[in-house]
């Protein structure tokens, strides 16, 4: 089973489509910053972004 669940993430953001955009943008930021440090436990950037959304550290905005 995936952690965190996609449906729970989509509820936090508002829709699955917005979730994809927010997670992709954050993952891209993490990859750009990864040149300076390694991601925790060698996790993938998208997994880190999903966890940040699930923990409430990221929110969707209408930019």
Protein backbone atom coordinates (compact mmCIF):
# COMPACT_ATOMS: atom_id res chain seq x y z
CA UNK A 1 0.00 0.00 0.00
CA UNK A 2 1.19 3.49 -0.80
CA UNK A 3 1.92 5.87 2.05
CA UNK A 4 0.44 8.43 2.19
CA UNK A 5 -2.76 7.38 0.38
CA UNK A 6 -3.54 9.29 -2.82
CA UNK A 7 -7.15 9.93 -1.79
CA UNK A 8 -6.06 11.50 1.50
CA UNK A 9 -3.60 13.73 -0.35
CA UNK A 10 -6.25 14.76 -2.89
CA UNK A 11 -8.62 15.74 -0.08
CA UNK A 12 -5.98 17.99 1.46
CA UNK A 13 -5.30 19.75 -1.85
CA UNK A 14 -8.80 19.73 -3.34
CA UNK A 15 -8.49 17.48 -6.38
CA UNK A 16 -6.24 14.84 -7.86
CA UNK A 17 -5.29 17.19 -10.69
CA UNK A 18 -4.18 19.96 -8.33
CA UNK A 19 -2.34 17.35 -6.28
CA UNK A 20 -0.31 16.35 -9.34
CA UNK A 21 0.65 19.95 -10.05
CA UNK A 22 1.58 20.80 -6.45
CA UNK A 23 3.55 17.59 -5.93
CA UNK A 24 5.38 17.95 -9.25
CA UNK A 25 6.35 21.56 -8.56
CA UNK A 26 7.63 20.69 -5.09
CA UNK A 27 9.52 17.65 -6.40
CA UNK A 28 11.17 19.86 -9.01
CA UNK A 29 12.21 22.31 -6.27
CA UNK A 30 13.65 19.46 -4.21
CA UNK A 31 15.64 18.16 -7.18
CA UNK A 32 17.08 21.61 -7.83
CA UNK A 33 18.08 21.87 -4.17
CA UNK A 34 19.42 18.30 -4.12
CA UNK A 35 22.64 19.51 -5.68
CA UNK A 36 23.49 20.98 -2.25
CA UNK A 37 22.36 18.04 -0.10
CA UNK A 38 20.94 14.54 -0.40
CA UNK A 39 17.30 13.72 0.14
CA UNK A 40 16.59 11.93 3.43
CA UNK A 41 17.02 8.15 3.24
CA UNK A 42 17.62 8.47 -0.52
CA UNK A 43 13.87 8.95 -1.03
CA UNK A 44 12.55 10.09 -4.35
CA UNK A 45 11.66 13.78 -4.56
CA UNK A 46 8.03 13.01 -5.35
CA UNK A 47 7.74 10.84 -2.23
CA UNK A 48 9.14 13.65 -0.10
CA UNK A 49 6.68 16.10 -1.68
CA UNK A 50 3.75 13.75 -1.02
CA UNK A 51 4.78 13.34 2.61
CA UNK A 52 5.04 17.13 3.02
CA UNK A 53 1.53 17.56 1.63
CA UNK A 54 0.19 14.83 3.91
CA UNK A 55 1.81 16.42 6.96
CA UNK A 56 0.31 19.81 6.08
CA UNK A 57 3.61 21.51 5.27
CA UNK A 58 2.48 22.28 1.68
CA UNK A 59 -0.76 23.80 0.47
CA UNK A 60 -2.13 24.59 -2.98
CA UNK A 61 -2.40 28.21 -4.07
CA UNK A 62 -3.94 29.73 -7.17
CA UNK A 63 -0.73 31.04 -8.71
